[in-house]
Structure formats: structure tokens, C-alpha cells
Amino acid sequence: MHTAMTKKEMLVAAIENGTVIDHIPAEKCYEVANLLGLQHLTTPVTIGYNYPSKKLGRKGIIKVSDKLFTDEEINRLSVVAPKIVLSVIRDFEVVEKKTVETPDELCGIVKCNNPKCITNNEPMKTVFNVVDKVHGILKCRYCDKEQDINKVALC
């Protein structure tokens, strides 16, 4: 049984099983929901928006019942909202918690902004190496064009 919280502490209802996505920058909350296709799920989804956060000022939180996310889905999240926290919930308890980090390589997640790149002219997945995680610099494996992770389009 989960511990009781006061009404002031309990901002969003607890879930029995599923995933909680927390510490989402408020302006990215609905982008994260769309990216994960949450509107297509048949299980309950709770989206909290503009909650106070000491780290972010304002944050979003998403609770998805009966759903675990794949590594590919998590890698997609790292492009739009790195440093979010995913918590896996079982029987109302957190059994796994991890901060989403941008991986060293992004496959089929972002588009190359070079119109001459083969990935924009042939039916193939893009592959980017993350050459600078601090500044968010990606480099296309095919045309070597560098891109700012904050200005990329998703596939």
C-alpha cells in the first residue's frame, strides 16, 4: 500500500502500474505527449502542466497507466526534452527511475537539414552522431553536416 499524502502534497493521482514522466520543461509537455503518441492509447493518461518546479520554474508531468516505453521511444524523448525523469511504477511503488540522456547516436529520429543529403532523397533512416552533448551538436553520418539539436525536425 502506498503512503498517505496530504491534499497539498498530492498534485496528481497515483497510478498502480505504468510510467511517470517527470521534470518535463512546461513548454515541451504536449510535444512529449504527441511524440509518444499518447492520444492513441486506450489506457488512462494524466497530463499535468505548469506545476511549480525548483529546477525548472514550471514543469509538466505525465502519468501513463499500464505502459512501459521502449529504448527507441526514450531516445526520441531525449531530443525534445533531455534530463526528464522516467519512473516505472509497479503496485504503486517506483521500481526503476532514470534520467533520460541523449545517446551517442540517434537513428531514424531526426531529419537532416541538408536538402542534398542522401537521407532526404532516398528511403533510408537517418543516423546522427552526437558530437557535443553539452551544446547539443549532431553530425549526420552521411553528409557530415552539423546541426543544433534544438533546431532539428523529427522524422
N, C-alpha and C. Protein backbone atom coordinates (compact mmCIF):
# COMPACT_ATOMS: atom_id res chain seq x y z
N MET A 1 0.84 -1.18 0.00
CA MET A 1 0.00 0.00 0.00
C MET A 1 0.89 1.24 0.00
N HIS A 2 0.53 2.25 -0.80
CA HIS A 2 1.34 3.45 -0.84
C HIS A 2 1.05 4.34 0.36
N THR A 3 2.04 5.17 0.69
CA THR A 3 1.90 6.01 1.86
C THR A 3 0.89 7.12 1.61
N ALA A 4 0.23 7.52 2.66
CA ALA A 4 -0.77 8.59 2.54
C ALA A 4 -0.05 9.93 2.43
N MET A 5 -0.59 10.81 1.62
CA MET A 5 -0.04 12.16 1.47
C MET A 5 -1.14 13.15 1.79
N THR A 6 -0.75 14.33 2.19
CA THR A 6 -1.75 15.36 2.44
C THR A 6 -2.31 15.85 1.12
N LYS A 7 -3.46 16.49 1.16
CA LYS A 7 -4.06 17.03 -0.06
C LYS A 7 -3.13 18.03 -0.73
N LYS A 8 -2.38 18.78 0.05
CA LYS A 8 -1.47 19.77 -0.51
C LYS A 8 -0.33 19.11 -1.29
N GLU A 9 0.15 17.95 -0.82
CA GLU A 9 1.27 17.27 -1.47
C GLU A 9 0.85 16.51 -2.72
N MET A 10 -0.36 15.98 -2.76
CA MET A 10 -0.79 15.12 -3.85
C MET A 10 -1.34 15.96 -5.00
N LEU A 11 -0.47 16.25 -5.98
CA LEU A 11 -0.88 17.07 -7.11
C LEU A 11 -1.55 16.25 -8.21
N VAL A 12 -1.06 15.02 -8.41
CA VAL A 12 -1.58 14.16 -9.46
C VAL A 12 -1.81 12.77 -8.85
N ALA A 13 -2.92 12.15 -9.18
CA ALA A 13 -3.26 10.85 -8.61
C ALA A 13 -2.20 9.80 -8.92
N ALA A 14 -1.97 8.90 -7.97
CA ALA A 14 -1.01 7.82 -8.14
C ALA A 14 -1.55 6.80 -9.15
N ILE A 15 -0.62 6.09 -9.81
CA ILE A 15 -1.02 5.00 -10.70
C ILE A 15 -0.52 3.69 -10.13
N GLU A 16 -1.23 2.62 -10.44
CA GLU A 16 -0.85 1.31 -9.91
C GLU A 16 0.34 0.73 -10.65
N ASN A 17 0.26 0.74 -11.99
CA ASN A 17 1.32 0.22 -12.85
C ASN A 17 1.47 1.13 -14.05
N GLY A 18 2.71 1.33 -14.49
CA GLY A 18 2.92 2.16 -15.68
C GLY A 18 4.18 2.98 -15.56
N THR A 19 4.16 4.16 -16.21
CA THR A 19 5.33 5.02 -16.27
C THR A 19 4.94 6.46 -15.93
N VAL A 20 5.78 7.09 -15.13
CA VAL A 20 5.62 8.51 -14.84
C VAL A 20 6.79 9.23 -15.51
N ILE A 21 6.46 10.25 -16.31
CA ILE A 21 7.48 11.07 -16.97
C ILE A 21 7.43 12.42 -16.26
N ASP A 22 8.51 12.75 -15.57
CA ASP A 22 8.52 13.93 -14.72
C ASP A 22 9.64 14.89 -15.13
N HIS A 23 9.59 16.08 -14.61
CA HIS A 23 10.59 17.12 -14.86
C HIS A 23 10.66 17.48 -16.35
N ILE A 24 9.49 17.51 -16.99
CA ILE A 24 9.41 17.93 -18.39
C ILE A 24 9.33 19.46 -18.40
N PRO A 25 10.21 20.15 -19.15
CA PRO A 25 10.02 21.60 -19.25
C PRO A 25 8.58 21.88 -19.70
N ALA A 26 7.90 22.81 -19.03
CA ALA A 26 6.47 23.04 -19.27
C ALA A 26 6.16 23.24 -20.75
N GLU A 27 7.00 23.98 -21.45
CA GLU A 27 6.73 24.27 -22.87
C GLU A 27 6.89 23.04 -23.77
N LYS A 28 7.47 21.96 -23.24
CA LYS A 28 7.68 20.73 -24.01
C LYS A 28 6.68 19.63 -23.68
N CYS A 29 5.80 19.88 -22.73
CA CYS A 29 4.91 18.84 -22.21
C CYS A 29 4.03 18.21 -23.30
N TYR A 30 3.37 19.04 -24.09
CA TYR A 30 2.48 18.50 -25.11
C TYR A 30 3.25 17.92 -26.29
N GLU A 31 4.44 18.44 -26.54
CA GLU A 31 5.30 17.87 -27.58
C GLU A 31 5.72 16.45 -27.19
N VAL A 32 6.04 16.25 -25.92
CA VAL A 32 6.38 14.91 -25.42
C VAL A 32 5.19 13.97 -25.57
N ALA A 33 4.00 14.44 -25.20
CA ALA A 33 2.79 13.62 -25.32
C ALA A 33 2.53 13.22 -26.77
N ASN A 34 2.69 14.17 -27.69
CA ASN A 34 2.48 13.87 -29.12
C ASN A 34 3.55 12.93 -29.65
N LEU A 35 4.78 13.16 -29.25
CA LEU A 35 5.90 12.34 -29.70
C LEU A 35 5.71 10.87 -29.31
N LEU A 36 5.15 10.65 -28.14
CA LEU A 36 4.91 9.29 -27.66
C LEU A 36 3.58 8.72 -28.16
N GLY A 37 2.80 9.52 -28.87
CA GLY A 37 1.52 9.04 -29.40
C GLY A 37 0.52 8.70 -28.32
N LEU A 38 0.56 9.44 -27.23
CA LEU A 38 -0.30 9.12 -26.08
C LEU A 38 -1.79 9.25 -26.42
N GLN A 39 -2.12 10.07 -27.41
CA GLN A 39 -3.52 10.23 -27.80
C GLN A 39 -4.10 8.96 -28.41
N HIS A 40 -3.25 8.02 -28.78
CA HIS A 40 -3.71 6.76 -29.39
C HIS A 40 -3.85 5.62 -28.39
N LEU A 41 -3.42 5.84 -27.15
CA LEU A 41 -3.51 4.79 -26.14
C LEU A 41 -4.94 4.63 -25.65
N THR A 42 -5.26 3.43 -25.19
CA THR A 42 -6.58 3.19 -24.61
C THR A 42 -6.52 3.12 -23.09
N THR A 43 -5.32 3.17 -22.53
CA THR A 43 -5.15 3.16 -21.07
C THR A 43 -5.18 4.61 -20.55
N PRO A 44 -5.48 4.80 -19.27
CA PRO A 44 -5.53 6.16 -18.73
C PRO A 44 -4.19 6.89 -18.82
N VAL A 45 -4.26 8.17 -19.21
CA VAL A 45 -3.10 9.06 -19.29
C VAL A 45 -3.46 10.35 -18.56
N THR A 46 -2.60 10.77 -17.65
CA THR A 46 -2.79 12.03 -16.94
C THR A 46 -1.67 12.98 -17.35
N ILE A 47 -2.04 14.17 -17.82
CA ILE A 47 -1.04 15.17 -18.18
C ILE A 47 -1.21 16.36 -17.24
N GLY A 48 -0.14 16.65 -16.51
CA GLY A 48 -0.12 17.81 -15.62
C GLY A 48 0.78 18.86 -16.23
N TYR A 49 0.34 20.09 -16.19
CA TYR A 49 1.04 21.15 -16.91
C TYR A 49 1.20 22.37 -16.00
N ASN A 50 2.35 23.00 -16.05
CA ASN A 50 2.66 24.21 -15.30
C ASN A 50 2.71 24.02 -13.78
N TYR A 51 3.17 22.85 -13.33
CA TYR A 51 3.37 22.66 -11.90
C TYR A 51 4.64 23.39 -11.48
N PRO A 52 4.68 23.93 -10.27
CA PRO A 52 5.89 24.61 -9.81
C PRO A 52 7.06 23.63 -9.69
N SER A 53 8.24 24.09 -10.06
CA SER A 53 9.44 23.25 -10.00
C SER A 53 10.61 24.11 -9.55
N LYS A 54 11.37 23.61 -8.57
CA LYS A 54 12.54 24.35 -8.11
C LYS A 54 13.62 24.40 -9.20
N LYS A 55 13.75 23.31 -9.97
CA LYS A 55 14.78 23.24 -11.01
C LYS A 55 14.38 24.00 -12.27
N LEU A 56 13.11 23.88 -12.69
CA LEU A 56 12.68 24.39 -13.99
C LEU A 56 11.81 25.64 -13.93
N GLY A 57 11.39 26.02 -12.76
CA GLY A 57 10.42 27.11 -12.66
C GLY A 57 9.00 26.56 -12.79
N ARG A 58 8.68 26.05 -13.97
CA ARG A 58 7.41 25.37 -14.24
C ARG A 58 7.73 24.07 -14.96
N LYS A 59 6.98 23.01 -14.64
CA LYS A 59 7.24 21.71 -15.26
C LYS A 59 5.94 21.02 -15.64
N GLY A 60 6.10 20.00 -16.45
CA GLY A 60 4.99 19.11 -16.78
C GLY A 60 5.28 17.74 -16.21
N ILE A 61 4.22 16.98 -16.02
CA ILE A 61 4.33 15.59 -15.58
C ILE A 61 3.27 14.79 -16.32
N ILE A 62 3.65 13.62 -16.77
CA ILE A 62 2.72 12.74 -17.50
C ILE A 62 2.75 11.38 -16.83
N LYS A 63 1.57 10.87 -16.52
CA LYS A 63 1.44 9.53 -15.94
C LYS A 63 0.67 8.66 -16.93
N VAL A 64 1.28 7.53 -17.29
CA VAL A 64 0.69 6.63 -18.27
C VAL A 64 0.48 5.27 -17.62
N SER A 65 -0.78 4.89 -17.44
CA SER A 65 -1.08 3.60 -16.81
C SER A 65 -0.81 2.45 -17.76
N ASP A 66 -0.27 1.37 -17.21
CA ASP A 66 -0.08 0.10 -17.92
C ASP A 66 0.74 0.25 -19.21
N LYS A 67 1.77 1.10 -19.19
CA LYS A 67 2.61 1.29 -20.38
C LYS A 67 4.05 1.48 -19.96
N LEU A 68 4.94 0.69 -20.58
CA LEU A 68 6.38 0.88 -20.44
C LEU A 68 6.89 1.34 -21.80
N PHE A 69 7.87 2.21 -21.82
CA PHE A 69 8.36 2.75 -23.07
C PHE A 69 9.63 2.04 -23.53
N THR A 70 9.78 1.91 -24.85
CA THR A 70 10.95 1.24 -25.42
C THR A 70 12.14 2.20 -25.40
N ASP A 71 13.33 1.64 -25.60
CA ASP A 71 14.54 2.47 -25.69
C ASP A 71 14.42 3.47 -26.83
N GLU A 72 13.82 3.06 -27.95
CA GLU A 72 13.67 3.96 -29.10
C GLU A 72 12.77 5.15 -28.74
N GLU A 73 11.67 4.88 -28.04
CA GLU A 73 10.79 5.96 -27.61
C GLU A 73 11.50 6.91 -26.65
N ILE A 74 12.28 6.35 -25.76
CA ILE A 74 13.03 7.16 -24.80
C ILE A 74 14.09 8.00 -25.50
N ASN A 75 14.76 7.42 -26.51
CA ASN A 75 15.75 8.18 -27.28
C ASN A 75 15.10 9.35 -28.01
N ARG A 76 13.87 9.16 -28.51
CA ARG A 76 13.15 10.25 -29.16
C ARG A 76 12.88 11.37 -28.16
N LEU A 77 12.54 10.99 -26.93
CA LEU A 77 12.29 11.98 -25.89
C LEU A 77 13.54 12.82 -25.61
N SER A 78 14.71 12.18 -25.68
CA SER A 78 15.95 12.87 -25.36
C SER A 78 16.23 14.03 -26.30
N VAL A 79 15.64 13.99 -27.49
CA VAL A 79 15.85 15.05 -28.47
C VAL A 79 15.05 16.30 -28.08
N VAL A 80 13.82 16.11 -27.64
CA VAL A 80 12.96 17.27 -27.33
C VAL A 80 13.05 17.70 -25.88
N ALA A 81 13.38 16.79 -24.98
CA ALA A 81 13.41 17.14 -23.56
C ALA A 81 14.42 16.30 -22.80
N PRO A 82 15.73 16.57 -23.01
CA PRO A 82 16.72 15.82 -22.24
C PRO A 82 16.60 16.16 -20.76
N LYS A 83 17.02 15.26 -19.94
CA LYS A 83 17.03 15.40 -18.47
C LYS A 83 15.67 15.17 -17.82
N ILE A 84 14.67 14.71 -18.59
CA ILE A 84 13.43 14.34 -17.93
C ILE A 84 13.67 13.05 -17.14
N VAL A 85 12.80 12.78 -16.20
CA VAL A 85 12.96 11.61 -15.34
C VAL A 85 11.82 10.64 -15.60
N LEU A 86 12.16 9.38 -15.91
CA LEU A 86 11.17 8.33 -16.09
C LEU A 86 11.18 7.42 -14.88
N SER A 87 9.99 7.16 -14.35
CA SER A 87 9.85 6.24 -13.22
C SER A 87 8.90 5.13 -13.62
N VAL A 88 9.35 3.89 -13.47
CA VAL A 88 8.50 2.73 -13.72
C VAL A 88 7.80 2.39 -12.41
N ILE A 89 6.47 2.25 -12.50
CA ILE A 89 5.65 2.00 -11.31
C ILE A 89 5.05 0.60 -11.37
N ARG A 90 5.19 -0.15 -10.28
CA ARG A 90 4.53 -1.45 -10.13
C ARG A 90 3.91 -1.50 -8.74
N ASP A 91 2.65 -1.83 -8.66
CA ASP A 91 1.93 -1.89 -7.38
C ASP A 91 2.11 -0.59 -6.58
N PHE A 92 1.95 0.54 -7.25
CA PHE A 92 2.04 1.88 -6.65
C PHE A 92 3.44 2.25 -6.16
N GLU A 93 4.45 1.44 -6.44
CA GLU A 93 5.81 1.72 -5.98
C GLU A 93 6.73 1.97 -7.18
N VAL A 94 7.69 2.88 -7.01
CA VAL A 94 8.71 3.12 -8.04
C VAL A 94 9.70 1.97 -7.99
N VAL A 95 9.81 1.21 -9.08
CA VAL A 95 10.75 0.09 -9.11
C VAL A 95 11.99 0.41 -9.95
N GLU A 96 11.89 1.46 -10.77
CA GLU A 96 13.05 1.88 -11.57
C GLU A 96 12.89 3.36 -11.87
N LYS A 97 14.00 4.07 -11.77
CA LYS A 97 13.97 5.51 -12.04
C LYS A 97 15.22 5.86 -12.83
N LYS A 98 15.03 6.61 -13.93
CA LYS A 98 16.21 7.01 -14.69
C LYS A 98 16.01 8.37 -15.32
N THR A 99 17.12 9.09 -15.43
CA THR A 99 17.12 10.38 -16.12
C THR A 99 17.44 10.11 -17.58
N VAL A 100 16.64 10.68 -18.46
CA VAL A 100 16.83 10.48 -19.89
C VAL A 100 18.04 11.29 -20.34
N GLU A 101 18.97 10.61 -20.97
CA GLU A 101 20.17 11.25 -21.51
C GLU A 101 20.17 11.09 -23.03
N THR A 102 20.73 12.07 -23.72
CA THR A 102 20.87 11.96 -25.16
C THR A 102 21.90 10.87 -25.45
N PRO A 103 21.55 9.87 -26.29
CA PRO A 103 22.52 8.80 -26.59
C PRO A 103 23.63 9.32 -27.50
N ASP A 104 24.66 8.51 -27.72
CA ASP A 104 25.76 8.91 -28.59
C ASP A 104 25.35 8.91 -30.06
N GLU A 105 24.29 8.16 -30.38
CA GLU A 105 23.85 8.04 -31.77
C GLU A 105 22.32 8.08 -31.82
N LEU A 106 21.80 8.81 -32.78
CA LEU A 106 20.35 8.90 -33.00
C LEU A 106 20.03 8.31 -34.37
N CYS A 107 19.28 7.22 -34.38
CA CYS A 107 18.94 6.54 -35.64
C CYS A 107 17.46 6.71 -35.96
N GLY A 108 17.17 7.33 -37.10
CA GLY A 108 15.79 7.46 -37.56
C GLY A 108 14.93 8.35 -36.68
N ILE A 109 15.54 9.28 -35.98
CA ILE A 109 14.79 10.13 -35.05
C ILE A 109 14.66 11.56 -35.57
N VAL A 110 15.77 12.12 -36.09
CA VAL A 110 15.72 13.49 -36.60
C VAL A 110 16.07 13.50 -38.09
N LYS A 111 15.56 14.53 -38.78
CA LYS A 111 15.84 14.70 -40.21
C LYS A 111 17.11 15.52 -40.39
N CYS A 112 17.81 15.25 -41.47
CA CYS A 112 18.98 16.05 -41.82
C CYS A 112 18.47 17.32 -42.49
N ASN A 113 19.06 18.48 -42.11
CA ASN A 113 18.60 19.73 -42.71
C ASN A 113 19.35 20.09 -43.98
N ASN A 114 20.17 19.16 -44.47
CA ASN A 114 20.85 19.35 -45.75
C ASN A 114 19.97 18.76 -46.85
N PRO A 115 19.38 19.59 -47.70
CA PRO A 115 18.48 19.06 -48.74
C PRO A 115 19.17 18.09 -49.71
N LYS A 116 20.49 18.17 -49.82
CA LYS A 116 21.23 17.29 -50.73
C LYS A 116 21.64 15.97 -50.09
N CYS A 117 21.41 15.83 -48.79
CA CYS A 117 21.78 14.59 -48.09
C CYS A 117 21.00 13.41 -48.67
N ILE A 118 21.66 12.28 -48.77
CA ILE A 118 21.04 11.08 -49.32
C ILE A 118 19.79 10.67 -48.53
N THR A 119 19.78 10.98 -47.21
CA THR A 119 18.63 10.60 -46.39
C THR A 119 17.36 11.38 -46.76
N ASN A 120 17.53 12.51 -47.44
CA ASN A 120 16.38 13.30 -47.90
C ASN A 120 15.98 12.95 -49.32
N ASN A 121 16.75 12.08 -49.96
CA ASN A 121 16.49 11.75 -51.36
C ASN A 121 16.30 10.27 -51.62
N GLU A 122 16.54 9.46 -50.61
CA GLU A 122 16.36 8.01 -50.70
C GLU A 122 15.58 7.53 -49.49
N PRO A 123 14.83 6.44 -49.64
CA PRO A 123 14.08 5.93 -48.48
C PRO A 123 15.00 5.18 -47.50
N MET A 124 15.60 5.94 -46.60
CA MET A 124 16.52 5.35 -45.62
C MET A 124 16.47 6.13 -44.32
N LYS A 125 16.86 5.45 -43.23
CA LYS A 125 16.88 6.09 -41.92
C LYS A 125 18.08 7.02 -41.79
N THR A 126 17.86 8.11 -41.09
CA THR A 126 18.98 9.00 -40.78
C THR A 126 19.78 8.41 -39.62
N VAL A 127 21.05 8.77 -39.58
CA VAL A 127 21.91 8.40 -38.46
C VAL A 127 22.75 9.62 -38.11
N PHE A 128 22.64 10.05 -36.87
CA PHE A 128 23.42 11.19 -36.40
C PHE A 128 24.27 10.77 -35.23
N ASN A 129 25.51 11.24 -35.22
CA ASN A 129 26.38 11.08 -34.06
C ASN A 129 26.24 12.35 -33.24
N VAL A 130 26.13 12.19 -31.94
CA VAL A 130 26.04 13.34 -31.04
C VAL A 130 27.49 13.70 -30.71
N VAL A 131 27.99 14.76 -31.33
CA VAL A 131 29.40 15.11 -31.19
C VAL A 131 29.67 16.04 -30.01
N ASP A 132 28.62 16.72 -29.51
CA ASP A 132 28.78 17.61 -28.36
C ASP A 132 27.46 17.62 -27.60
N LYS A 133 27.40 16.84 -26.51
CA LYS A 133 26.16 16.75 -25.72
C LYS A 133 25.88 18.03 -24.95
N VAL A 134 26.91 18.73 -24.52
CA VAL A 134 26.73 19.96 -23.75
C VAL A 134 26.03 21.02 -24.60
N HIS A 135 26.49 21.19 -25.83
CA HIS A 135 25.92 22.21 -26.72
C HIS A 135 24.88 21.65 -27.68
N GLY A 136 24.64 20.33 -27.64
CA GLY A 136 23.61 19.72 -28.47
C GLY A 136 23.94 19.72 -29.96
N ILE A 137 25.15 19.34 -30.30
CA ILE A 137 25.57 19.32 -31.71
C ILE A 137 25.53 17.90 -32.25
N LEU A 138 24.77 17.73 -33.34
CA LEU A 138 24.65 16.44 -34.02
C LEU A 138 25.38 16.52 -35.35
N LYS A 139 25.90 15.38 -35.81
CA LYS A 139 26.58 15.34 -37.10
C LYS A 139 26.02 14.18 -37.91
N CYS A 140 25.53 14.49 -39.10
CA CYS A 140 24.97 13.47 -39.98
C CYS A 140 26.07 12.52 -40.43
N ARG A 141 25.82 11.22 -40.29
CA ARG A 141 26.81 10.22 -40.67
C ARG A 141 27.03 10.20 -42.18
N TYR A 142 26.03 10.62 -42.96
CA TYR A 142 26.12 10.52 -44.42
C TYR A 142 26.71 11.75 -45.08
N CYS A 143 26.33 12.94 -44.65
CA CYS A 143 26.82 14.15 -45.33
C CYS A 143 27.73 15.00 -44.45
N ASP A 144 27.93 14.61 -43.20
CA ASP A 144 28.79 15.31 -42.25
C ASP A 144 28.29 16.69 -41.83
N LYS A 145 27.06 17.05 -42.18
CA LYS A 145 26.51 18.36 -41.78
C LYS A 145 26.20 18.34 -40.29
N GLU A 146 26.63 19.38 -39.61
CA GLU A 146 26.33 19.52 -38.19
C GLU A 146 25.03 20.28 -38.00
N GLN A 147 24.28 19.91 -36.94
CA GLN A 147 23.01 20.54 -36.65
C GLN A 147 22.88 20.76 -35.15
N ASP A 148 22.13 21.77 -34.78
CA ASP A 148 21.81 22.06 -33.38
C ASP A 148 20.60 21.23 -33.01
N ILE A 149 20.71 20.44 -31.95
CA ILE A 149 19.62 19.55 -31.54
C ILE A 149 18.33 20.31 -31.24
N ASN A 150 18.46 21.59 -30.87
CA ASN A 150 17.27 22.40 -30.56
C ASN A 150 16.57 22.91 -31.82
N LYS A 151 17.17 22.71 -32.98
CA LYS A 151 16.58 23.23 -34.21
C LYS A 151 16.31 22.14 -35.24
N VAL A 152 16.27 20.88 -34.81
CA VAL A 152 16.06 19.79 -35.75
C VAL A 152 14.56 19.49 -35.89
N ALA A 153 14.23 18.86 -37.01
CA ALA A 153 12.86 18.36 -37.22
C ALA A 153 12.90 16.86 -36.96
N LEU A 154 11.86 16.36 -36.33
CA LEU A 154 11.78 14.92 -36.07
C LEU A 154 11.27 14.19 -37.31
N CYS A 155 11.74 12.94 -37.46
CA CYS A 155 11.28 12.10 -38.58
C CYS A 155 9.83 11.70 -38.38
